[in-house]
Structures are given as structure tokens and as C-alpha cells.
Amino acid sequence: MKINDNKRIGAMNPYNKANENRSAGQVGKKDKPKDQIEISSEAKELLSTSGITKTPEHLSRLEELRDSVNAGTYRVDARKIAEKLLPYLQ
């Protein structure tokens, strides 16, 4: 009984062959263009007038939080998170 048929070796990796052919065909081509996003002037105006103002107190609180997270001392209160999630789970 013959276990390894040498004619079947090429059929084992058809995906690799297709990938090799695809990459060989792209040697001279340019890379695909990157995705871009443009924000309209109306959206920028809505964002600026959304009422979110950064007061000095707000900025100082953000800085404190950022520092505690970077230092590894910020602790999350699991009870508060559970209280906020509970209405969505019921």
C-alpha cells in the first residue's frame, strides 16, 4: 500500500499557490490608497456648539485621572459600574 502519493503534494496548498501568484503580480504595482475621512463644516460646527466646554475644574480633574491611570493607582469601583449597567440588563 502506498501512503504518500507524490501527485497529491501540489494539491495540498492551493491557497499558498494563489497567494504566491497574487503577490508576484503586485511587485510592480503601487500600494493601495489609504482610507481617508473628511468631516464636513456642518459637523465641525455642531461639534463646536454641542455645549461641551472644558472648564479649568474639568481640565484639572482630567489631568488627575490621567496621572493616576499612568501611575497605576486608579481604582475602579465595581459597585458603581454594576449600578450603571443594571438598568440595561433588566
PDB file of N, CA and C in Angstrom:
ATOM      1  N   MET A   1       0.848  -1.181   0.000  1.00  0.00           N
ATOM      2  CA  MET A   1       0.000   0.000   0.000  1.00  0.00           C
ATOM      3  C   MET A   1       0.891   1.241   0.000  1.00  0.00           C
ATOM      4  N   LYS A   2       0.560   2.186  -0.846  1.00  0.00           N
ATOM      5  CA  LYS A   2       1.344   3.405  -0.970  1.00  0.00           C
ATOM      6  C   LYS A   2       0.638   4.519  -0.193  1.00  0.00           C
ATOM      7  N   ILE A   3       1.316   5.065   0.809  1.00  0.00           N
ATOM      8  CA  ILE A   3       0.704   6.072   1.666  1.00  0.00           C
ATOM      9  C   ILE A   3       0.841   7.462   1.061  1.00  0.00           C
ATOM     10  N   ASN A   4       2.018   7.808   0.592  1.00  0.00           N
ATOM     11  CA  ASN A   4       2.269   9.143   0.065  1.00  0.00           C
ATOM     12  C   ASN A   4       2.295   9.114  -1.452  1.00  0.00           C
ATOM     13  N   ASP A   5       1.293   9.667  -2.038  1.00  0.00           N
ATOM     14  CA  ASP A   5       1.234   9.778  -3.493  1.00  0.00           C
ATOM     15  C   ASP A   5       1.832  11.123  -3.879  1.00  0.00           C
ATOM     16  N   ASN A   6       2.911  11.124  -4.652  1.00  0.00           N
ATOM     17  CA  ASN A   6       3.608  12.371  -4.954  1.00  0.00           C
ATOM     18  C   ASN A   6       2.813  13.295  -5.864  1.00  0.00           C
ATOM     19  N   LYS A   7       1.759  12.830  -6.475  1.00  0.00           N
ATOM     20  CA  LYS A   7       0.942  13.688  -7.339  1.00  0.00           C
ATOM     21  C   LYS A   7       0.005  14.576  -6.518  1.00  0.00           C
ATOM     22  N   ARG A   8      -0.205  14.221  -5.275  1.00  0.00           N
ATOM     23  CA  ARG A   8      -1.133  14.972  -4.435  1.00  0.00           C
ATOM     24  C   ARG A   8      -0.452  16.110  -3.676  1.00  0.00           C
ATOM     25  N   ILE A   9       0.847  16.192  -3.684  1.00  0.00           N
ATOM     26  CA  ILE A   9       1.549  17.203  -2.902  1.00  0.00           C
ATOM     27  C   ILE A   9       1.202  18.607  -3.389  1.00  0.00           C
ATOM     28  N   GLY A  10       1.103  18.809  -4.687  1.00  0.00           N
ATOM     29  CA  GLY A  10       0.770  20.128  -5.223  1.00  0.00           C
ATOM     30  C   GLY A  10      -0.639  20.570  -4.883  1.00  0.00           C
ATOM     31  N   ALA A  11      -1.531  19.631  -4.678  1.00  0.00           N
ATOM     32  CA  ALA A  11      -2.918  19.973  -4.365  1.00  0.00           C
ATOM     33  C   ALA A  11      -3.116  20.276  -2.889  1.00  0.00           C
ATOM     34  N   MET A  12      -2.112  20.080  -2.079  1.00  0.00           N
ATOM     35  CA  MET A  12      -2.261  20.277  -0.650  1.00  0.00           C
ATOM     36  C   MET A  12      -2.391  21.752  -0.273  1.00  0.00           C
ATOM     37  N   ASN A  13      -1.727  22.627  -0.984  1.00  0.00           N
ATOM     38  CA  ASN A  13      -1.725  24.031  -0.619  1.00  0.00           C
ATOM     39  C   ASN A  13      -2.170  24.932  -1.766  1.00  0.00           C
ATOM     40  N   PRO A  14      -3.409  24.813  -2.213  1.00  0.00           N
ATOM     41  CA  PRO A  14      -3.844  25.690  -3.310  1.00  0.00           C
ATOM     42  C   PRO A  14      -3.913  27.156  -2.874  1.00  0.00           C
ATOM     43  N   TYR A  15      -4.145  27.396  -1.589  1.00  0.00           N
ATOM     44  CA  TYR A  15      -4.211  28.764  -1.106  1.00  0.00           C
ATOM     45  C   TYR A  15      -2.841  29.418  -1.135  1.00  0.00           C
ATOM     46  N   ASN A  16      -1.816  28.673  -0.799  1.00  0.00           N
ATOM     47  CA  ASN A  16      -0.462  29.222  -0.854  1.00  0.00           C
ATOM     48  C   ASN A  16      -0.065  29.561  -2.283  1.00  0.00           C
ATOM     49  N   LYS A  17      -0.433  28.700  -3.221  1.00  0.00           N
ATOM     50  CA  LYS A  17      -0.110  28.971  -4.622  1.00  0.00           C
ATOM     51  C   LYS A  17      -0.835  30.225  -5.105  1.00  0.00           C
ATOM     52  N   ALA A  18      -2.094  30.361  -4.747  1.00  0.00           N
ATOM     53  CA  ALA A  18      -2.853  31.538  -5.157  1.00  0.00           C
ATOM     54  C   ALA A  18      -2.256  32.792  -4.545  1.00  0.00           C
ATOM     55  N   ASN A  19      -1.844  32.700  -3.309  1.00  0.00           N
ATOM     56  CA  ASN A  19      -1.236  33.846  -2.630  1.00  0.00           C
ATOM     57  C   ASN A  19       0.098  34.211  -3.273  1.00  0.00           C
ATOM     58  N   GLU A  20       0.905  33.203  -3.641  1.00  0.00           N
ATOM     59  CA  GLU A  20       2.179  33.468  -4.304  1.00  0.00           C
ATOM     60  C   GLU A  20       1.953  34.149  -5.648  1.00  0.00           C
ATOM     61  N   ASN A  21       0.969  33.680  -6.398  1.00  0.00           N
ATOM     62  CA  ASN A  21       0.668  34.293  -7.691  1.00  0.00           C
ATOM     63  C   ASN A  21       0.204  35.732  -7.524  1.00  0.00           C
ATOM     64  N   ARG A  22      -0.599  35.961  -6.507  1.00  0.00           N
ATOM     65  CA  ARG A  22      -1.114  37.307  -6.261  1.00  0.00           C
ATOM     66  C   ARG A  22       0.017  38.254  -5.864  1.00  0.00           C
ATOM     67  N   SER A  23       0.903  37.797  -4.982  1.00  0.00           N
ATOM     68  CA  SER A  23       1.994  38.659  -4.534  1.00  0.00           C
ATOM     69  C   SER A  23       3.020  38.872  -5.647  1.00  0.00           C
ATOM     70  N   ALA A  24       3.218  37.893  -6.512  1.00  0.00           N
ATOM     71  CA  ALA A  24       4.151  38.052  -7.630  1.00  0.00           C
ATOM     72  C   ALA A  24       3.603  39.057  -8.640  1.00  0.00           C
ATOM     73  N   GLY A  25       2.298  39.125  -8.778  1.00  0.00           N
ATOM     74  CA  GLY A  25       1.693  40.069  -9.712  1.00  0.00           C
ATOM     75  C   GLY A  25       1.684  41.492  -9.201  1.00  0.00           C
ATOM     76  N   GLN A  26       1.884  41.691  -7.919  1.00  0.00           N
ATOM     77  CA  GLN A  26       1.821  43.022  -7.333  1.00  0.00           C
ATOM     78  C   GLN A  26       3.186  43.639  -7.117  1.00  0.00           C
ATOM     79  N   VAL A  27       4.226  43.047  -7.625  1.00  0.00           N
ATOM     80  CA  VAL A  27       5.569  43.563  -7.391  1.00  0.00           C
ATOM     81  C   VAL A  27       5.724  44.953  -7.980  1.00  0.00           C
ATOM     82  N   GLY A  28       5.228  45.181  -9.160  1.00  0.00           N
ATOM     83  CA  GLY A  28       5.395  46.480  -9.814  1.00  0.00           C
ATOM     84  C   GLY A  28       4.288  47.462  -9.513  1.00  0.00           C
ATOM     85  N   LYS A  29       3.240  47.033  -8.836  1.00  0.00           N
ATOM     86  CA  LYS A  29       2.107  47.912  -8.571  1.00  0.00           C
ATOM     87  C   LYS A  29       2.353  48.757  -7.328  1.00  0.00           C
ATOM     88  N   LYS A  30       1.671  49.905  -7.272  1.00  0.00           N
ATOM     89  CA  LYS A  30       1.722  50.759  -6.085  1.00  0.00           C
ATOM     90  C   LYS A  30       0.823  50.178  -5.004  1.00  0.00           C
ATOM     91  N   ASP A  31       1.079  50.582  -3.781  1.00  0.00           N
ATOM     92  CA  ASP A  31       0.231  50.154  -2.677  1.00  0.00           C
ATOM     93  C   ASP A  31      -1.160  50.744  -2.848  1.00  0.00           C
ATOM     94  N   LYS A  32      -2.130  50.074  -2.252  1.00  0.00           N
ATOM     95  CA  LYS A  32      -3.496  50.565  -2.315  1.00  0.00           C
ATOM     96  C   LYS A  32      -3.585  51.894  -1.572  1.00  0.00           C
ATOM     97  N   PRO A  33      -4.425  52.792  -2.018  1.00  0.00           N
ATOM     98  CA  PRO A  33      -4.555  54.063  -1.299  1.00  0.00           C
ATOM     99  C   PRO A  33      -5.170  53.835   0.074  1.00  0.00           C
ATOM    100  N   LYS A  34      -4.753  54.618   1.021  1.00  0.00           N
ATOM    101  CA  LYS A  34      -5.248  54.525   2.395  1.00  0.00           C
ATOM    102  C   LYS A  34      -6.639  55.128   2.478  1.00  0.00           C
ATOM    103  N   ASP A  35      -7.407  54.659   3.460  1.00  0.00           N
ATOM    104  CA  ASP A  35      -8.723  55.226   3.707  1.00  0.00           C
ATOM    105  C   ASP A  35      -8.568  56.634   4.251  1.00  0.00           C
ATOM    106  N   GLN A  36      -9.489  57.489   3.882  1.00  0.00           N
ATOM    107  CA  GLN A  36      -9.466  58.861   4.360  1.00  0.00           C
ATOM    108  C   GLN A  36     -10.855  59.224   4.855  1.00  0.00           C
ATOM    109  N   ILE A  37     -10.868  60.193   5.730  1.00  0.00           N
ATOM    110  CA  ILE A  37     -12.139  60.684   6.245  1.00  0.00           C
ATOM    111  C   ILE A  37     -12.130  62.200   6.175  1.00  0.00           C
ATOM    112  N   GLU A  38     -13.262  62.738   5.827  1.00  0.00           N
ATOM    113  CA  GLU A  38     -13.411  64.195   5.791  1.00  0.00           C
ATOM    114  C   GLU A  38     -14.610  64.557   6.638  1.00  0.00           C
ATOM    115  N   ILE A  39     -14.425  65.515   7.513  1.00  0.00           N
ATOM    116  CA  ILE A  39     -15.507  65.987   8.368  1.00  0.00           C
ATOM    117  C   ILE A  39     -16.040  67.275   7.765  1.00  0.00           C
ATOM    118  N   SER A  40     -17.327  67.283   7.511  1.00  0.00           N
ATOM    119  CA  SER A  40     -17.932  68.446   6.869  1.00  0.00           C
ATOM    120  C   SER A  40     -17.915  69.646   7.806  1.00  0.00           C
ATOM    121  N   SER A  41     -18.077  70.807   7.209  1.00  0.00           N
ATOM    122  CA  SER A  41     -18.086  72.028   8.012  1.00  0.00           C
ATOM    123  C   SER A  41     -19.296  72.062   8.947  1.00  0.00           C
ATOM    124  N   GLU A  42     -20.409  71.468   8.505  1.00  0.00           N
ATOM    125  CA  GLU A  42     -21.593  71.418   9.359  1.00  0.00           C
ATOM    126  C   GLU A  42     -21.331  70.554  10.599  1.00  0.00           C
ATOM    127  N   ALA A  43     -20.645  69.436  10.401  1.00  0.00           N
ATOM    128  CA  ALA A  43     -20.335  68.564  11.533  1.00  0.00           C
ATOM    129  C   ALA A  43     -19.374  69.243  12.493  1.00  0.00           C
ATOM    130  N   LYS A  44     -18.410  69.967  11.948  1.00  0.00           N
ATOM    131  CA  LYS A  44     -17.479  70.700  12.806  1.00  0.00           C
ATOM    132  C   LYS A  44     -18.212  71.759  13.605  1.00  0.00           C
ATOM    133  N   GLU A  45     -19.169  72.422  12.972  1.00  0.00           N
ATOM    134  CA  GLU A  45     -19.945  73.453  13.666  1.00  0.00           C
ATOM    135  C   GLU A  45     -20.794  72.835  14.766  1.00  0.00           C
ATOM    136  N   LEU A  46     -21.416  71.679  14.482  1.00  0.00           N
ATOM    137  CA  LEU A  46     -22.218  71.002  15.503  1.00  0.00           C
ATOM    138  C   LEU A  46     -21.355  70.564  16.676  1.00  0.00           C
ATOM    139  N   LEU A  47     -20.167  70.109  16.388  1.00  0.00           N
ATOM    140  CA  LEU A  47     -19.267  69.690  17.447  1.00  0.00           C
ATOM    141  C   LEU A  47     -18.841  70.859  18.321  1.00  0.00           C
ATOM    142  N   SER A  48     -18.590  71.988  17.704  1.00  0.00           N
ATOM    143  CA  SER A  48     -18.152  73.149  18.480  1.00  0.00           C
ATOM    144  C   SER A  48     -19.288  73.754  19.300  1.00  0.00           C
ATOM    145  N   THR A  49     -20.516  73.588  18.854  1.00  0.00           N
ATOM    146  CA  THR A  49     -21.651  74.169  19.575  1.00  0.00           C
ATOM    147  C   THR A  49     -22.408  73.126  20.387  1.00  0.00           C
ATOM    148  N   SER A  50     -21.816  71.971  20.628  1.00  0.00           N
ATOM    149  CA  SER A  50     -22.532  70.910  21.342  1.00  0.00           C
ATOM    150  C   SER A  50     -22.676  71.203  22.830  1.00  0.00           C
ATOM    151  N   GLY A  51     -22.074  72.265  23.315  1.00  0.00           N
ATOM    152  CA  GLY A  51     -22.233  72.642  24.713  1.00  0.00           C
ATOM    153  C   GLY A  51     -21.177  72.051  25.619  1.00  0.00           C
ATOM    154  N   ILE A  52     -20.243  71.326  25.070  1.00  0.00           N
ATOM    155  CA  ILE A  52     -19.182  70.762  25.893  1.00  0.00           C
ATOM    156  C   ILE A  52     -18.073  71.798  26.010  1.00  0.00           C
ATOM    157  N   THR A  53     -17.989  72.393  27.170  1.00  0.00           N
ATOM    158  CA  THR A  53     -16.928  73.363  27.408  1.00  0.00           C
ATOM    159  C   THR A  53     -15.993  72.797  28.450  1.00  0.00           C
ATOM    160  N   LYS A  54     -14.741  72.998  28.260  1.00  0.00           N
ATOM    161  CA  LYS A  54     -13.756  72.476  29.198  1.00  0.00           C
ATOM    162  C   LYS A  54     -13.357  73.584  30.165  1.00  0.00           C
ATOM    163  N   THR A  55     -13.943  73.504  31.332  1.00  0.00           N
ATOM    164  CA  THR A  55     -13.636  74.478  32.368  1.00  0.00           C
ATOM    165  C   THR A  55     -12.313  74.107  33.015  1.00  0.00           C
ATOM    166  N   PRO A  56     -11.699  75.029  33.725  1.00  0.00           N
ATOM    167  CA  PRO A  56     -10.445  74.694  34.422  1.00  0.00           C
ATOM    168  C   PRO A  56     -10.599  73.543  35.413  1.00  0.00           C
ATOM    169  N   GLU A  57     -11.772  73.453  36.076  1.00  0.00           N
ATOM    170  CA  GLU A  57     -12.012  72.354  37.003  1.00  0.00           C
ATOM    171  C   GLU A  57     -12.058  71.017  36.261  1.00  0.00           C
ATOM    172  N   HIS A  58     -12.713  71.036  35.106  1.00  0.00           N
ATOM    173  CA  HIS A  58     -12.820  69.830  34.295  1.00  0.00           C
ATOM    174  C   HIS A  58     -11.448  69.396  33.797  1.00  0.00           C
ATOM    175  N   LEU A  59     -10.657  70.335  33.356  1.00  0.00           N
ATOM    176  CA  LEU A  59      -9.322  70.019  32.855  1.00  0.00           C
ATOM    177  C   LEU A  59      -8.416  69.498  33.972  1.00  0.00           C
ATOM    178  N   SER A  60      -8.526  70.088  35.165  1.00  0.00           N
ATOM    179  CA  SER A  60      -7.695  69.613  36.273  1.00  0.00           C
ATOM    180  C   SER A  60      -8.115  68.205  36.701  1.00  0.00           C
ATOM    181  N   ARG A  61      -9.406  67.925  36.697  1.00  0.00           N
ATOM    182  CA  ARG A  61      -9.886  66.572  37.036  1.00  0.00           C
ATOM    183  C   ARG A  61      -9.387  65.557  36.012  1.00  0.00           C
ATOM    184  N   LEU A  62      -9.426  65.918  34.736  1.00  0.00           N
ATOM    185  CA  LEU A  62      -8.914  65.031  33.691  1.00  0.00           C
ATOM    186  C   LEU A  62      -7.420  64.765  33.879  1.00  0.00           C
ATOM    187  N   GLU A  63      -6.702  65.796  34.236  1.00  0.00           N
ATOM    188  CA  GLU A  63      -5.258  65.644  34.456  1.00  0.00           C
ATOM    189  C   GLU A  63      -4.984  64.719  35.657  1.00  0.00           C
ATOM    190  N   GLU A  64      -5.777  64.864  36.724  1.00  0.00           N
ATOM    191  CA  GLU A  64      -5.626  63.985  37.885  1.00  0.00           C
ATOM    192  C   GLU A  64      -5.899  62.539  37.503  1.00  0.00           C
ATOM    193  N   LEU A  65      -6.966  62.323  36.756  1.00  0.00           N
ATOM    194  CA  LEU A  65      -7.300  60.966  36.326  1.00  0.00           C
ATOM    195  C   LEU A  65      -6.213  60.386  35.434  1.00  0.00           C
ATOM    196  N   ARG A  66      -5.711  61.184  34.514  1.00  0.00           N
ATOM    197  CA  ARG A  66      -4.659  60.733  33.607  1.00  0.00           C
ATOM    198  C   ARG A  66      -3.400  60.343  34.387  1.00  0.00           C
ATOM    199  N   ASP A  67      -3.055  61.164  35.364  1.00  0.00           N
ATOM    200  CA  ASP A  67      -1.874  60.873  36.178  1.00  0.00           C
ATOM    201  C   ASP A  67      -2.052  59.596  36.998  1.00  0.00           C
ATOM    202  N   SER A  68      -3.237  59.406  37.581  1.00  0.00           N
ATOM    203  CA  SER A  68      -3.455  58.209  38.398  1.00  0.00           C
ATOM    204  C   SER A  68      -3.488  56.948  37.539  1.00  0.00           C
ATOM    205  N   VAL A  69      -4.012  57.038  36.332  1.00  0.00           N
ATOM    206  CA  VAL A  69      -4.005  55.879  35.436  1.00  0.00           C
ATOM    207  C   VAL A  69      -2.579  55.551  35.024  1.00  0.00           C
ATOM    208  N   ASN A  70      -1.795  56.563  34.676  1.00  0.00           N
ATOM    209  CA  ASN A  70      -0.407  56.340  34.275  1.00  0.00           C
ATOM    210  C   ASN A  70       0.432  55.795  35.422  1.00  0.00           C
ATOM    211  N   ALA A  71       0.129  56.214  36.646  1.00  0.00           N
ATOM    212  CA  ALA A  71       0.878  55.746  37.805  1.00  0.00           C
ATOM    213  C   ALA A  71       0.412  54.372  38.274  1.00  0.00           C
ATOM    214  N   GLY A  72      -0.755  53.934  37.794  1.00  0.00           N
ATOM    215  CA  GLY A  72      -1.278  52.629  38.197  1.00  0.00           C
ATOM    216  C   GLY A  72      -2.025  52.665  39.507  1.00  0.00           C
ATOM    217  N   THR A  73      -2.406  53.840  39.968  1.00  0.00           N
ATOM    218  CA  THR A  73      -3.103  53.961  41.248  1.00  0.00           C
ATOM    219  C   THR A  73      -4.603  54.166  41.090  1.00  0.00           C
ATOM    220  N   TYR A  74      -5.097  54.234  39.866  1.00  0.00           N
ATOM    221  CA  TYR A  74      -6.534  54.439  39.633  1.00  0.00           C
ATOM    222  C   TYR A  74      -7.273  53.140  39.919  1.00  0.00           C
ATOM    223  N   ARG A  75      -8.269  53.201  40.765  1.00  0.00           N
ATOM    224  CA  ARG A  75      -9.054  52.032  41.126  1.00  0.00           C
ATOM    225  C   ARG A  75     -10.492  52.238  40.669  1.00  0.00           C
ATOM    226  N   VAL A  76     -11.055  51.201  40.102  1.00  0.00           N
ATOM    227  CA  VAL A  76     -12.424  51.245  39.611  1.00  0.00           C
ATOM    228  C   VAL A  76     -13.348  50.681  40.677  1.00  0.00           C
ATOM    229  N   ASP A  77     -14.422  51.398  40.949  1.00  0.00           N
ATOM    230  CA  ASP A  77     -15.409  50.940  41.912  1.00  0.00           C
ATOM    231  C   ASP A  77     -16.406  50.039  41.181  1.00  0.00           C
ATOM    232  N   ALA A  78     -16.311  48.750  41.404  1.00  0.00           N
ATOM    233  CA  ALA A  78     -17.161  47.781  40.709  1.00  0.00           C
ATOM    234  C   ALA A  78     -18.629  47.977  41.039  1.00  0.00           C
ATOM    235  N   ARG A  79     -18.929  48.429  42.240  1.00  0.00           N
ATOM    236  CA  ARG A  79     -20.324  48.647  42.629  1.00  0.00           C
ATOM    237  C   ARG A  79     -20.963  49.743  41.776  1.00  0.00           C
ATOM    238  N   LYS A  80     -20.228  50.827  41.522  1.00  0.00           N
ATOM    239  CA  LYS A  80     -20.768  51.910  40.703  1.00  0.00           C
ATOM    240  C   LYS A  80     -21.003  51.455  39.266  1.00  0.00           C
ATOM    241  N   ILE A  81     -20.082  50.657  38.743  1.00  0.00           N
ATOM    242  CA  ILE A  81     -20.248  50.144  37.381  1.00  0.00           C
ATOM    243  C   ILE A  81     -21.463  49.236  37.311  1.00  0.00           C
ATOM    244  N   ALA A  82     -21.624  48.375  38.296  1.00  0.00           N
ATOM    245  CA  ALA A  82     -22.764  47.460  38.331  1.00  0.00           C
ATOM    246  C   ALA A  82     -24.078  48.229  38.423  1.00  0.00           C
ATOM    247  N   GLU A  83     -24.109  49.290  39.219  1.00  0.00           N
ATOM    248  CA  GLU A  83     -25.318  50.093  39.345  1.00  0.00           C
ATOM    249  C   GLU A  83     -25.693  50.749  38.020  1.00  0.00           C
ATOM    250  N   LYS A  84     -24.691  51.187  37.254  1.00  0.00           N
ATOM    251  CA  LYS A  84     -24.952  51.831  35.972  1.00  0.00           C
ATOM    252  C   LYS A  84     -25.369  50.817  34.911  1.00  0.00           C
ATOM    253  N   LEU A  85     -24.846  49.585  34.983  1.00  0.00           N
ATOM    254  CA  LEU A  85     -25.170  48.562  33.990  1.00  0.00           C
ATOM    255  C   LEU A  85     -26.496  47.859  34.262  1.00  0.00           C
ATOM    256  N   LEU A  86     -26.913  47.829  35.502  1.00  0.00           N
ATOM    257  CA  LEU A  86     -28.094  47.083  35.890  1.00  0.00           C
ATOM    258  C   LEU A  86     -29.355  47.469  35.092  1.00  0.00           C
ATOM    259  N   PRO A  87     -29.639  48.745  34.860  1.00  0.00           N
ATOM    260  CA  PRO A  87     -30.856  49.066  34.088  1.00  0.00           C
ATOM    261  C   PRO A  87     -30.840  48.512  32.665  1.00  0.00           C
ATOM    262  N   TYR A  88     -29.679  48.349  32.079  1.00  0.00           N
ATOM    263  CA  TYR A  88     -29.594  47.841  30.714  1.00  0.00           C
ATOM    264  C   TYR A  88     -29.756  46.329  30.670  1.00  0.00           C
ATOM    265  N   LEU A  89     -29.491  45.656  31.764  1.00  0.00           N
ATOM    266  CA  LEU A  89     -29.574  44.195  31.798  1.00  0.00           C
ATOM    267  C   LEU A  89     -30.940  43.697  32.211  1.00  0.00           C
ATOM    268  N   GLN A  90     -31.792  44.555  32.744  1.00  0.00           N
ATOM    269  CA  GLN A  90     -33.119  44.108  33.190  1.00  0.00           C
ATOM    270  C   GLN A  90     -34.118  44.144  32.067  1.00  0.00           C
TER     271      GLN A  90
END
